[in-house]
Amino acid sequence: MSETLLKLTDVHKHFRINGRQVVNAVSGVSLEVRRGEIVGCVGESGCGKTTTGRTIVKLYRPDQGKIEFQGRDIWGLSRAENLDYRKKVQIIYQDPYASLDPLNVAAASIAEGLTIHKMYPGKKERSDRVRQILEMVGLNPEHGSRFPHEFSGGQRQRIGIARALAVEPELIVCDEPISALDVSIQAQIVNLLMKLQQSMGLSYIFITHDLSMVKQISDRIVVMYLGSIVESAPSGLLYARNKHPYTKALLSAIPIPDPTIERSRQRVLLSGDAPSPINLPSNCAFSKRCPYATERCLAERPPLAEIEADHFVACHYVENM
């Protein structure tokens, strides 16, 4: 069994608005990422995917729960250990333009992490490393002297990837890295990430809305709904034997490139809206939209339970299947 690189245990993250109301962005997420593994994270907007990712890279501090990296609590690290953690765990942002300093050329943005972590201290060494990273992500060394506005969206995202790779991380949180790109460029970026993962032995948490793509890139997939994980399984198993009604609804929305099948297949349509994250229900958060909800679902929140090897589901209905 592969080494557990990252472990989240009952992580909660809340935000206050207007000084009084509390938005429950993440509510009790428990997750493991093994070394060399790609974990896909899917769910509709507002389900807590990005907040979970940003909490992992310490942009947010959890209000409850524990995050461990290589067996150590990331919030109990010394200053030197914390700096090392930030080197080992990097993030690729959704918007490749907003995440780059418009006043810095590409080479300066990539080299910034090397300076902070005192890697490749010599000027020539650092410059050579930047050129090497640019070539790794499919750019030419001369691109290093250009500003962000001089690149296309796909090229800017390659710079974002290069910046994350420069400090030799072990885990990268990919926060919807292709959603802001043209469809023709998305496949190129996904192929690049896959190639880098295999050649460098990286682990990814891949946050995305693209359900058809996440199947191809992920070893394991977690499905989030209203701040919680409702189903988690190896990629092939989740698509073949998904159990949670919300997962079934998400997967039924994936278009099939065959007009005959597409016309005849049945979509799982959900009625109503998701409950407000300000006032989280104490029962199953999906019960008001679920076609299989019973009185028990309206009264009691189901735990995330293992129904078969490495397949976890939070649903009372599954117990009766």
Protein backbone atom coordinates (compact mmCIF):
# COMPACT_ATOMS: atom_id res chain seq x y z
CA MET A 1 0.00 0.00 0.00
CA SER A 2 1.30 3.46 -0.90
CA GLU A 3 2.37 5.86 1.80
CA THR A 4 -0.31 8.28 3.00
CA LEU A 5 1.02 11.71 2.07
CA LEU A 6 -1.86 13.90 3.24
CA LYS A 7 -4.68 13.17 5.67
CA LEU A 8 -7.66 15.34 6.54
CA THR A 9 -9.74 14.37 9.58
CA ASP A 10 -13.14 15.99 10.21
CA VAL A 11 -12.08 19.36 8.76
CA HIS A 12 -14.50 22.28 9.10
CA LYS A 13 -14.13 25.80 7.71
CA HIS A 14 -16.62 28.59 8.38
CA PHE A 15 -16.78 32.19 7.23
CA ARG A 16 -18.60 35.04 8.95
CA ILE A 17 -20.64 37.49 6.90
CA ASN A 18 -22.02 40.76 8.23
CA GLY A 19 -20.34 39.90 11.53
CA ARG A 20 -23.19 37.59 12.56
CA GLN A 21 -24.13 34.90 10.07
CA VAL A 22 -21.83 31.91 9.58
CA VAL A 23 -21.34 30.25 6.18
CA ASN A 24 -20.42 26.57 6.58
CA ALA A 25 -18.12 26.18 3.57
CA VAL A 26 -16.59 22.86 4.63
CA SER A 27 -18.31 20.58 7.13
CA GLY A 28 -16.51 17.48 8.36
CA VAL A 29 -14.31 16.51 5.41
CA SER A 30 -12.08 13.46 5.95
CA LEU A 31 -9.76 12.53 3.10
CA GLU A 32 -6.47 10.77 2.39
CA VAL A 33 -4.07 11.31 -0.52
CA ARG A 34 -1.44 8.66 -1.12
CA ARG A 35 1.97 9.28 -2.62
CA GLY A 36 1.83 9.33 -6.43
CA GLU A 37 -1.97 9.37 -6.44
CA ILE A 38 -4.36 11.70 -8.27
CA VAL A 39 -7.53 12.37 -6.28
CA GLY A 40 -10.31 14.05 -8.25
CA CYS A 41 -12.72 16.29 -6.34
CA VAL A 42 -16.06 17.06 -8.00
CA GLY A 43 -19.37 18.69 -7.14
CA GLU A 44 -21.50 21.67 -8.09
CA SER A 45 -20.48 25.26 -7.38
CA GLY A 46 -20.49 26.10 -3.68
CA CYS A 47 -19.93 22.54 -2.48
CA GLY A 48 -16.62 23.41 -0.77
CA LYS A 49 -14.07 22.01 -3.23
CA THR A 50 -11.96 25.14 -3.53
CA THR A 51 -12.20 25.98 0.18
CA THR A 52 -10.92 22.49 0.99
CA GLY A 53 -8.00 22.96 -1.41
CA ARG A 54 -7.10 26.37 -0.03
CA THR A 55 -7.23 25.05 3.52
CA ILE A 56 -4.78 22.31 2.55
CA VAL A 57 -2.26 24.86 1.25
CA LYS A 58 -2.76 26.96 4.41
CA LEU A 59 -4.45 29.91 2.76
CA TYR A 60 -7.27 29.26 5.25
CA ARG A 61 -7.04 27.91 8.79
CA PRO A 62 -9.65 25.26 9.62
CA ASP A 63 -12.05 25.99 12.49
CA GLN A 64 -12.11 22.34 13.49
CA GLY A 65 -10.39 19.12 12.52
CA LYS A 66 -6.86 18.08 11.66
CA ILE A 67 -4.67 18.16 8.55
CA GLU A 68 -1.56 15.97 8.57
CA PHE A 69 1.22 15.87 6.00
CA GLN A 70 3.53 12.85 6.22
CA GLY A 71 2.08 12.16 9.65
CA ARG A 72 2.58 15.65 11.11
CA ASP A 73 -0.09 18.22 11.96
CA ILE A 74 0.53 21.13 9.56
CA TRP A 75 -0.69 23.66 12.14
CA GLY A 76 1.84 22.52 14.73
CA LEU A 77 4.95 23.09 12.62
CA SER A 78 7.86 25.35 13.52
CA ARG A 79 8.65 28.29 11.25
CA ALA A 80 11.32 26.33 9.37
CA GLU A 81 9.06 23.26 9.07
CA ASN A 82 6.21 25.44 7.85
CA LEU A 83 8.42 26.90 5.12
CA ASP A 84 9.35 23.37 4.07
CA TYR A 85 5.65 22.39 3.98
CA ARG A 86 4.82 25.33 1.74
CA LYS A 87 7.57 24.16 -0.61
CA LYS A 88 6.27 20.59 -0.72
CA VAL A 89 2.61 21.54 -1.20
CA GLN A 90 1.84 23.91 -4.07
CA ILE A 91 -1.31 25.15 -5.83
CA ILE A 92 -2.31 25.89 -9.43
CA TYR A 93 -5.08 28.47 -9.54
CA GLN A 94 -8.18 28.56 -11.70
CA ASP A 95 -7.56 31.96 -13.26
CA PRO A 96 -4.11 31.96 -14.89
CA TYR A 97 -4.15 35.73 -15.40
CA ALA A 98 -5.25 36.87 -11.94
CA SER A 99 -2.73 34.54 -10.28
CA LEU A 100 0.28 36.17 -11.98
CA ASP A 101 1.80 39.52 -11.04
CA PRO A 102 1.20 41.75 -14.11
CA LEU A 103 4.39 43.71 -13.30
CA ASN A 104 6.64 40.64 -13.27
CA VAL A 105 7.97 38.86 -16.33
CA ALA A 106 7.39 35.09 -16.41
CA ALA A 107 10.94 34.24 -15.34
CA ALA A 108 10.65 36.45 -12.24
CA SER A 109 7.37 34.81 -11.21
CA ILE A 110 8.86 31.33 -11.57
CA ALA A 111 12.10 32.29 -9.78
CA GLU A 112 10.31 33.89 -6.81
CA GLY A 113 9.76 30.55 -5.07
CA LEU A 114 13.39 29.59 -5.63
CA THR A 115 14.48 32.79 -3.88
CA ILE A 116 12.11 32.32 -0.93
CA HIS A 117 13.21 28.73 -0.36
CA LYS A 118 16.88 29.47 -1.07
CA MET A 119 17.10 26.94 -3.87
CA TYR A 120 19.67 27.29 -6.67
CA PRO A 121 21.34 30.27 -4.90
CA GLY A 122 23.63 31.28 -7.76
CA LYS A 123 22.19 33.66 -10.34
CA LYS A 124 23.21 31.43 -13.25
CA GLU A 125 21.93 28.30 -11.50
CA ARG A 126 18.57 29.94 -10.88
CA SER A 127 18.37 31.21 -14.43
CA ASP A 128 19.18 27.74 -15.79
CA ARG A 129 16.51 26.21 -13.54
CA VAL A 130 13.90 28.67 -14.81
CA ARG A 131 14.77 27.85 -18.43
CA GLN A 132 14.58 24.12 -17.64
CA ILE A 133 11.12 24.50 -16.06
CA LEU A 134 9.85 26.59 -18.99
CA GLU A 135 10.90 23.83 -21.38
CA MET A 136 9.27 21.18 -19.16
CA VAL A 137 5.88 22.91 -19.47
CA GLY A 138 6.20 23.38 -23.24
CA LEU A 139 7.40 26.98 -23.43
CA ASN A 140 10.56 28.42 -24.95
CA PRO A 141 13.29 29.99 -22.76
CA GLU A 142 12.70 33.39 -24.40
CA HIS A 143 9.15 33.36 -23.01
CA GLY A 144 10.71 34.12 -19.64
CA SER A 145 11.20 37.77 -20.59
CA ARG A 146 7.53 38.38 -21.41
CA PHE A 147 4.81 39.84 -19.19
CA PRO A 148 1.53 37.96 -18.45
CA HIS A 149 -0.54 40.08 -20.86
CA GLU A 150 1.69 38.97 -23.73
CA PHE A 151 0.62 35.33 -23.39
CA SER A 152 -2.49 33.39 -24.36
CA GLY A 153 -4.61 31.80 -21.62
CA GLY A 154 -3.05 28.39 -22.14
CA GLN A 155 0.46 29.81 -22.01
CA ARG A 156 -0.34 31.70 -18.81
CA GLN A 157 -1.57 28.50 -17.21
CA ARG A 158 1.68 26.79 -18.25
CA ILE A 159 3.54 29.55 -16.38
CA GLY A 160 1.35 28.87 -13.34
CA ILE A 161 2.25 25.19 -13.57
CA ALA A 162 5.94 26.07 -13.99
CA ARG A 163 5.82 28.27 -10.88
CA ALA A 164 4.36 25.40 -8.84
CA LEU A 165 6.91 22.89 -10.18
CA ALA A 166 9.96 25.11 -9.70
CA VAL A 167 10.34 24.36 -5.98
CA GLU A 168 10.08 20.57 -6.51
CA PRO A 169 6.81 19.88 -4.64
CA GLU A 170 5.38 16.51 -3.67
CA LEU A 171 1.69 17.47 -3.76
CA ILE A 172 -0.09 19.99 -6.00
CA VAL A 173 -3.64 21.21 -5.48
CA CYS A 174 -5.01 21.84 -8.97
CA ASP A 175 -7.94 24.22 -8.43
CA GLU A 176 -9.95 23.90 -11.65
CA PRO A 177 -6.82 24.55 -13.75
CA ILE A 178 -8.59 24.16 -17.10
CA SER A 179 -12.03 25.72 -16.54
CA ALA A 180 -10.92 29.19 -17.72
CA LEU A 181 -9.33 27.83 -20.91
CA ASP A 182 -10.66 27.16 -24.41
CA VAL A 183 -11.76 23.58 -25.00
CA SER A 184 -9.00 23.10 -27.56
CA ILE A 185 -6.38 24.01 -24.93
CA GLN A 186 -7.84 22.03 -22.04
CA ALA A 187 -6.68 18.65 -23.34
CA GLN A 188 -3.14 19.99 -23.83
CA ILE A 189 -2.95 21.18 -20.20
CA VAL A 190 -4.40 17.91 -18.86
CA ASN A 191 -1.90 15.88 -20.92
CA LEU A 192 0.93 18.09 -19.63
CA LEU A 193 -0.15 17.59 -16.00
CA MET A 194 -0.37 13.82 -16.52
CA LYS A 195 3.08 13.69 -18.11
CA LEU A 196 4.61 15.73 -15.28
CA GLN A 197 2.88 13.61 -12.63
CA GLN A 198 4.30 10.42 -14.09
CA SER A 199 7.82 11.74 -14.65
CA MET A 200 8.14 13.48 -11.26
CA GLY A 201 6.07 11.12 -9.08
CA LEU A 202 3.74 13.93 -8.00
CA SER A 203 0.45 13.64 -6.14
CA TYR A 204 -2.49 15.80 -7.24
CA ILE A 205 -5.78 16.89 -5.76
CA PHE A 206 -7.62 17.73 -8.97
CA ILE A 207 -10.63 19.99 -8.38
CA THR A 208 -12.90 20.25 -11.38
CA HIS A 209 -16.42 20.52 -12.79
CA ASP A 210 -15.56 18.39 -15.81
CA LEU A 211 -16.89 14.95 -14.88
CA SER A 212 -15.89 13.29 -18.14
CA MET A 213 -12.29 14.46 -17.84
CA VAL A 214 -11.82 13.67 -14.14
CA LYS A 215 -12.48 9.98 -14.88
CA GLN A 216 -9.48 9.88 -17.22
CA ILE A 217 -7.03 11.67 -14.94
CA SER A 218 -7.94 10.44 -11.44
CA ASP A 219 -7.06 7.30 -9.52
CA ARG A 220 -9.77 8.06 -6.98
CA ILE A 221 -12.70 10.49 -6.94
CA VAL A 222 -14.50 12.20 -4.08
CA VAL A 223 -17.92 13.77 -4.62
CA MET A 224 -18.79 16.78 -2.45
CA TYR A 225 -22.18 18.25 -1.64
CA LEU A 226 -22.78 21.27 0.58
CA GLY A 227 -19.37 21.09 2.25
CA SER A 228 -19.26 17.33 2.85
CA ILE A 229 -18.08 14.23 1.00
CA VAL A 230 -21.08 12.09 0.01
CA GLU A 231 -19.21 9.43 -1.99
CA SER A 232 -15.61 8.36 -2.51
CA ALA A 233 -14.26 5.49 -4.60
CA PRO A 234 -11.60 4.49 -7.13
CA SER A 235 -12.36 6.17 -10.45
CA GLY A 236 -13.54 3.11 -12.40
CA LEU A 237 -15.62 1.85 -9.49
CA LEU A 238 -17.36 5.19 -8.98
CA TYR A 239 -18.45 5.37 -12.62
CA ALA A 240 -19.46 1.70 -12.78
CA ARG A 241 -21.15 1.22 -9.39
CA ASN A 242 -21.96 4.65 -7.98
CA LYS A 243 -24.48 4.53 -5.14
CA HIS A 244 -25.31 8.03 -3.90
CA PRO A 245 -28.31 9.65 -5.67
CA TYR A 246 -26.36 12.90 -6.04
CA THR A 247 -23.48 11.10 -7.76
CA LYS A 248 -25.96 9.44 -10.12
CA ALA A 249 -27.44 12.84 -11.00
CA LEU A 250 -24.02 14.35 -11.69
CA LEU A 251 -22.87 11.48 -13.90
CA SER A 252 -26.13 11.42 -15.85
CA ALA A 253 -25.36 14.97 -16.98
CA ILE A 254 -22.24 13.87 -18.89
CA PRO A 255 -23.03 14.04 -22.63
CA ILE A 256 -22.43 10.86 -24.64
CA PRO A 257 -20.89 11.37 -28.12
CA ASP A 258 -23.46 9.12 -29.77
CA PRO A 259 -26.73 10.78 -30.91
CA THR A 260 -28.73 7.54 -30.70
CA ILE A 261 -27.71 6.79 -27.11
CA GLU A 262 -27.95 10.43 -26.07
CA ARG A 263 -31.55 10.73 -27.31
CA SER A 264 -32.72 7.54 -25.62
CA ARG A 265 -30.97 7.68 -22.25
CA GLN A 266 -32.69 9.04 -19.15
CA ARG A 267 -31.30 11.97 -17.21
CA VAL A 268 -31.57 12.08 -13.43
CA LEU A 269 -33.07 15.52 -12.84
CA LEU A 270 -32.99 17.06 -9.38
CA SER A 271 -35.77 19.31 -8.15
CA GLY A 272 -35.33 22.23 -5.80
CA ASP A 273 -32.19 24.02 -4.68
CA ALA A 274 -29.42 23.03 -2.30
CA PRO A 275 -29.99 24.19 1.30
CA SER A 276 -28.24 27.37 2.42
CA PRO A 277 -24.74 26.84 3.84
CA ILE A 278 -25.65 29.50 6.41
CA ASN A 279 -28.23 27.26 8.07
CA LEU A 280 -27.07 23.70 7.52
CA PRO A 281 -29.75 21.10 8.21
CA SER A 282 -29.08 18.51 10.92
CA ASN A 283 -30.55 15.79 8.70
CA CYS A 284 -29.29 14.58 5.31
CA ALA A 285 -28.47 17.78 3.41
CA PHE A 286 -29.57 16.14 0.14
CA SER A 287 -32.91 14.83 1.45
CA LYS A 288 -35.08 17.67 0.04
CA ARG A 289 -33.80 16.95 -3.50
CA CYS A 290 -33.48 13.17 -3.29
CA PRO A 291 -36.09 10.95 -5.01
CA TYR A 292 -35.43 8.15 -2.50
CA ALA A 293 -35.63 10.17 0.74
CA THR A 294 -37.43 8.55 3.68
CA GLU A 295 -38.45 9.83 7.10
CA ARG A 296 -35.11 8.66 8.43
CA CYS A 297 -33.30 10.86 5.88
CA LEU A 298 -35.36 13.86 7.02
CA ALA A 299 -34.46 13.20 10.64
CA GLU A 300 -30.89 11.86 10.68
CA ARG A 301 -27.67 12.70 8.83
CA PRO A 302 -26.01 9.57 7.37
CA PRO A 303 -22.30 8.97 8.16
CA LEU A 304 -19.74 8.35 5.42
CA ALA A 305 -19.51 4.55 5.62
CA GLU A 306 -17.46 1.96 3.69
CA ILE A 307 -19.84 -0.26 1.71
CA GLU A 308 -17.08 -2.20 -0.06
CA ALA A 309 -13.30 -1.99 -0.26
CA ASP A 310 -12.29 1.69 -0.61
CA HIS A 311 -15.85 2.71 -1.55
CA PHE A 312 -17.49 5.11 0.91
CA VAL A 313 -21.02 6.50 0.72
CA ALA A 314 -23.04 8.80 3.01
CA CYS A 315 -26.59 7.61 2.35
CA HIS A 316 -29.28 5.77 4.33
CA TYR A 317 -30.85 4.51 1.07
CA VAL A 318 -27.73 2.47 0.24
CA GLU A 319 -28.22 0.35 3.34
CA ASN A 320 -31.45 -1.01 1.87
CA MET A 321 -30.10 -1.72 -1.62
